[in-house]
Amino acid sequence: MGTFSIWHWLIVLLIVVMVFGTKKLRNMGSDLGGAVKGFKDGMKDGGNKPDDGSAPVAGQVTASTPVVEKTTIDVEAKTKS
């Protein structure tokens, strides 16, 4: 009584297919697979250290990074009379 038999799982699967449809389930499966693959690739890439060791962490400001001065153009708007 504590475990479900194969017939219970088949009935649950049939109800899920009837509610969501096969196309929706296929899309969810491919989205989940893509997310898992992206996570694995991110974990693999995140474990590698930079070659030169001087690259700053994303969002971190260091003294060695040059400050780029942005220029703006002041304009005057004239009204039509």
Protein backbone atom coordinates (compact mmCIF):
# COMPACT_ATOMS: atom_id res chain seq x y z
CA MET A 1 0.00 0.00 0.00
CA GLY A 2 2.95 2.34 0.57
CA THR A 3 4.35 2.10 -2.96
CA PHE A 4 2.63 2.83 -6.23
CA SER A 5 2.36 0.13 -8.88
CA ILE A 6 3.04 0.63 -12.56
CA TRP A 7 -0.70 1.07 -13.18
CA HIS A 8 -0.84 4.06 -10.84
CA TRP A 9 2.03 5.75 -12.70
CA LEU A 10 0.46 5.02 -16.10
CA ILE A 11 -2.83 6.60 -15.00
CA VAL A 12 -0.99 9.68 -13.68
CA LEU A 13 0.96 9.94 -16.96
CA LEU A 14 -2.26 9.67 -18.98
CA ILE A 15 -3.91 12.44 -16.95
CA VAL A 16 -0.86 14.70 -17.34
CA VAL A 17 -0.82 14.15 -21.12
CA MET A 18 -4.54 14.89 -21.30
CA VAL A 19 -4.18 18.11 -19.30
CA PHE A 20 -1.05 19.57 -20.91
CA GLY A 21 -0.93 17.88 -24.32
CA THR A 22 2.07 16.28 -25.97
CA LYS A 23 3.36 19.46 -27.64
CA LYS A 24 3.47 21.38 -24.36
CA LEU A 25 5.22 18.49 -22.59
CA ARG A 26 7.77 18.21 -25.41
CA ASN A 27 8.50 21.95 -25.21
CA MET A 28 8.90 21.79 -21.43
CA GLY A 29 11.25 18.81 -21.80
CA SER A 30 13.45 20.56 -24.35
CA ASP A 31 13.52 23.74 -22.24
CA LEU A 32 14.53 21.74 -19.18
CA GLY A 33 17.23 19.92 -21.15
CA GLY A 34 18.60 23.22 -22.48
CA ALA A 35 18.66 24.68 -18.98
CA VAL A 36 20.54 21.68 -17.60
CA LYS A 37 23.04 21.82 -20.47
CA GLY A 38 23.57 25.56 -19.91
CA PHE A 39 24.07 24.98 -16.20
CA LYS A 40 26.66 22.25 -16.83
CA ASP A 41 28.51 24.46 -19.33
CA GLY A 42 28.45 27.34 -16.86
CA MET A 43 29.82 25.17 -14.09
CA LYS A 44 32.57 23.90 -16.39
CA ASP A 45 33.50 27.43 -17.53
CA GLY A 46 33.20 28.89 -14.04
CA GLY A 47 35.77 26.47 -12.63
CA ASN A 48 38.52 27.66 -14.96
CA LYS A 49 40.82 30.37 -13.65
CA PRO A 50 41.94 33.23 -15.90
CA ASP A 51 45.27 32.67 -17.65
CA ASP A 52 47.01 35.87 -16.57
CA GLY A 53 45.30 36.21 -13.20
CA SER A 54 44.89 39.97 -13.57
CA ALA A 55 41.33 40.01 -14.93
CA PRO A 56 38.97 41.74 -12.49
CA VAL A 57 35.83 40.03 -11.29
CA ALA A 58 32.69 41.18 -13.07
CA GLY A 59 31.40 44.38 -11.47
CA GLN A 60 34.63 44.97 -9.55
CA VAL A 61 36.42 48.30 -10.03
CA THR A 62 40.17 48.26 -9.66
CA ALA A 63 42.80 50.97 -9.84
CA SER A 64 44.37 49.40 -12.91
CA THR A 65 41.28 49.90 -15.06
CA PRO A 66 41.38 53.20 -16.96
CA VAL A 67 38.54 55.63 -16.43
CA VAL A 68 36.91 56.56 -19.72
CA GLU A 69 35.60 60.12 -19.74
CA LYS A 70 32.37 60.49 -21.66
CA THR A 71 31.55 63.77 -23.32
CA THR A 72 28.11 65.25 -23.66
CA ILE A 73 26.81 67.84 -26.08
CA ASP A 74 24.73 70.67 -24.70
CA VAL A 75 22.02 71.89 -27.03
CA GLU A 76 19.39 74.57 -26.71
CA ALA A 77 15.85 73.93 -27.81
CA LYS A 78 14.11 76.84 -29.49
CA THR A 79 10.39 77.17 -29.68
CA LYS A 80 8.62 77.89 -32.92
CA SER A 81 6.81 81.20 -32.98
